[in-house]
């Protein structure tokens, strides 16, 4: 299972992620689709410990 709770990331004055939460049950196959600049890469970098969050 993957669980993200209240994830926030700021780059100075710019808020890239604003309190996002989601759960992916074990065995589920999901797609992470959003427009460009929506925070997909930032979310995945935080989930894989390449970058620390500001909160969450």
N, C-alpha and C. Protein backbone atom coordinates (compact mmCIF):
# COMPACT_ATOMS: atom_id res chain seq x y z
N UNK A 1 0.84 -1.16 0.00
CA UNK A 1 0.00 0.00 0.00
C UNK A 1 0.90 1.24 0.00
N UNK A 2 0.46 2.25 -0.72
CA UNK A 2 1.12 3.55 -0.71
C UNK A 2 0.13 4.54 -0.13
N UNK A 3 0.58 5.28 0.88
CA UNK A 3 -0.30 6.25 1.51
C UNK A 3 0.44 7.57 1.66
N UNK A 4 -0.13 8.63 1.12
CA UNK A 4 0.42 9.98 1.22
C UNK A 4 -0.59 10.82 1.97
N UNK A 5 -0.14 11.53 3.00
CA UNK A 5 -1.06 12.34 3.80
C UNK A 5 -0.53 13.75 3.96
N UNK A 6 -1.33 14.72 3.58
CA UNK A 6 -1.09 16.14 3.83
C UNK A 6 0.29 16.59 3.34
N UNK A 7 0.65 16.20 2.14
CA UNK A 7 1.96 16.51 1.57
C UNK A 7 1.98 17.93 1.02
N UNK A 8 2.95 18.71 1.48
CA UNK A 8 3.12 20.10 1.04
C UNK A 8 4.58 20.33 0.70
N UNK A 9 4.83 21.05 -0.41
CA UNK A 9 6.19 21.41 -0.79
C UNK A 9 6.19 22.83 -1.34
N UNK A 10 7.05 23.66 -0.78
CA UNK A 10 7.22 25.03 -1.23
C UNK A 10 8.61 25.21 -1.81
N UNK A 11 8.68 26.00 -2.86
CA UNK A 11 9.96 26.46 -3.43
C UNK A 11 9.96 27.97 -3.26
N UNK A 12 10.44 28.44 -2.13
CA UNK A 12 10.38 29.88 -1.85
C UNK A 12 8.92 30.31 -1.71
N UNK A 13 8.49 31.25 -2.54
CA UNK A 13 7.12 31.76 -2.51
C UNK A 13 6.15 30.85 -3.29
N UNK A 14 6.68 29.95 -4.12
CA UNK A 14 5.84 29.10 -4.96
C UNK A 14 5.49 27.81 -4.22
N UNK A 15 4.21 27.51 -4.11
CA UNK A 15 3.75 26.26 -3.49
C UNK A 15 3.50 25.24 -4.59
N UNK A 16 4.35 24.22 -4.65
CA UNK A 16 4.24 23.19 -5.69
C UNK A 16 3.19 22.14 -5.32
N UNK A 17 3.12 21.77 -4.06
CA UNK A 17 2.13 20.80 -3.57
C UNK A 17 1.42 21.42 -2.38
N UNK A 18 0.11 21.36 -2.38
CA UNK A 18 -0.66 22.01 -1.33
C UNK A 18 -1.55 21.01 -0.61
N UNK A 19 -0.99 20.35 0.40
CA UNK A 19 -1.76 19.49 1.29
C UNK A 19 -2.47 18.35 0.54
N UNK A 20 -1.72 17.60 -0.29
CA UNK A 20 -2.33 16.51 -1.05
C UNK A 20 -2.30 15.21 -0.24
N UNK A 21 -3.32 14.39 -0.43
CA UNK A 21 -3.42 13.09 0.23
C UNK A 21 -4.03 12.09 -0.74
N UNK A 22 -3.52 10.86 -0.72
CA UNK A 22 -4.12 9.78 -1.50
C UNK A 22 -3.61 8.45 -0.97
N UNK A 23 -4.35 7.39 -1.28
CA UNK A 23 -3.98 6.03 -0.90
C UNK A 23 -4.11 5.14 -2.12
N UNK A 24 -3.10 4.29 -2.33
CA UNK A 24 -3.13 3.31 -3.41
C UNK A 24 -3.06 1.93 -2.75
N UNK A 25 -4.12 1.14 -2.83
CA UNK A 25 -4.13 -0.18 -2.20
C UNK A 25 -3.09 -1.12 -2.84
N UNK A 26 -2.64 -2.09 -2.06
CA UNK A 26 -1.69 -3.10 -2.54
C UNK A 26 -2.27 -3.82 -3.76
N UNK A 27 -1.45 -3.98 -4.78
CA UNK A 27 -1.85 -4.69 -5.98
C UNK A 27 -2.52 -3.83 -7.04
N UNK A 28 -2.83 -2.58 -6.72
CA UNK A 28 -3.47 -1.68 -7.68
C UNK A 28 -2.45 -1.16 -8.68
N UNK A 29 -2.87 -0.99 -9.90
CA UNK A 29 -2.06 -0.34 -10.94
C UNK A 29 -2.73 0.99 -11.23
N UNK A 30 -1.96 2.07 -11.09
CA UNK A 30 -2.52 3.40 -11.25
C UNK A 30 -1.68 4.22 -12.23
N UNK A 31 -2.28 5.24 -12.77
CA UNK A 31 -1.59 6.23 -13.59
C UNK A 31 -1.60 7.55 -12.85
N UNK A 32 -0.53 8.29 -12.95
CA UNK A 32 -0.39 9.57 -12.26
C UNK A 32 -0.41 10.64 -13.35
N UNK A 33 -1.61 11.08 -13.72
CA UNK A 33 -1.78 11.99 -14.84
C UNK A 33 -2.28 13.35 -14.37
N UNK A 34 -1.60 14.39 -14.79
CA UNK A 34 -1.97 15.77 -14.48
C UNK A 34 -1.38 16.66 -15.57
N UNK A 35 -1.83 17.91 -15.65
CA UNK A 35 -1.21 18.84 -16.60
C UNK A 35 0.24 19.13 -16.23
N UNK A 36 0.99 19.66 -17.17
CA UNK A 36 2.37 20.06 -16.89
C UNK A 36 2.38 21.09 -15.76
N UNK A 37 3.34 20.94 -14.85
CA UNK A 37 3.47 21.87 -13.74
C UNK A 37 2.55 21.59 -12.57
N UNK A 38 1.88 20.45 -12.57
CA UNK A 38 0.92 20.15 -11.50
C UNK A 38 1.56 19.52 -10.27
N UNK A 39 2.83 19.10 -10.34
CA UNK A 39 3.51 18.55 -9.17
C UNK A 39 3.76 17.06 -9.21
N UNK A 40 3.62 16.42 -10.37
CA UNK A 40 3.83 14.96 -10.46
C UNK A 40 5.26 14.58 -10.07
N UNK A 41 6.23 15.24 -10.68
CA UNK A 41 7.64 14.91 -10.42
C UNK A 41 8.01 15.23 -8.98
N UNK A 42 7.55 16.36 -8.48
CA UNK A 42 7.82 16.72 -7.08
C UNK A 42 7.25 15.67 -6.13
N UNK A 43 6.03 15.24 -6.38
CA UNK A 43 5.40 14.21 -5.53
C UNK A 43 6.21 12.93 -5.55
N UNK A 44 6.59 12.47 -6.72
CA UNK A 44 7.35 11.22 -6.83
C UNK A 44 8.74 11.35 -6.20
N UNK A 45 9.39 12.49 -6.35
CA UNK A 45 10.70 12.69 -5.71
C UNK A 45 10.60 12.64 -4.19
N UNK A 46 9.54 13.22 -3.65
CA UNK A 46 9.34 13.18 -2.20
C UNK A 46 9.02 11.75 -1.75
N UNK A 47 8.16 11.05 -2.49
CA UNK A 47 7.79 9.68 -2.13
C UNK A 47 8.98 8.73 -2.16
N UNK A 48 9.98 9.01 -3.02
CA UNK A 48 11.16 8.14 -3.13
C UNK A 48 12.35 8.68 -2.36
N UNK A 49 12.13 9.69 -1.52
CA UNK A 49 13.14 10.26 -0.61
C UNK A 49 14.29 10.96 -1.32
N UNK A 50 14.07 11.45 -2.54
CA UNK A 50 15.09 12.24 -3.22
C UNK A 50 15.01 13.70 -2.79
N UNK A 51 13.90 14.10 -2.18
CA UNK A 51 13.67 15.48 -1.77
C UNK A 51 12.78 15.47 -0.54
N UNK A 52 13.06 16.34 0.44
CA UNK A 52 12.20 16.38 1.63
C UNK A 52 10.97 17.26 1.41
N UNK A 53 9.85 16.92 2.04
CA UNK A 53 8.67 17.80 1.97
C UNK A 53 8.79 18.91 2.99
N UNK A 54 7.98 19.94 2.85
CA UNK A 54 7.88 20.96 3.90
C UNK A 54 6.92 20.50 5.00
N UNK A 55 5.94 19.67 4.61
CA UNK A 55 4.99 19.11 5.57
C UNK A 55 4.42 17.82 4.99
N UNK A 56 3.97 16.94 5.85
CA UNK A 56 3.35 15.70 5.39
C UNK A 56 4.22 14.50 5.60
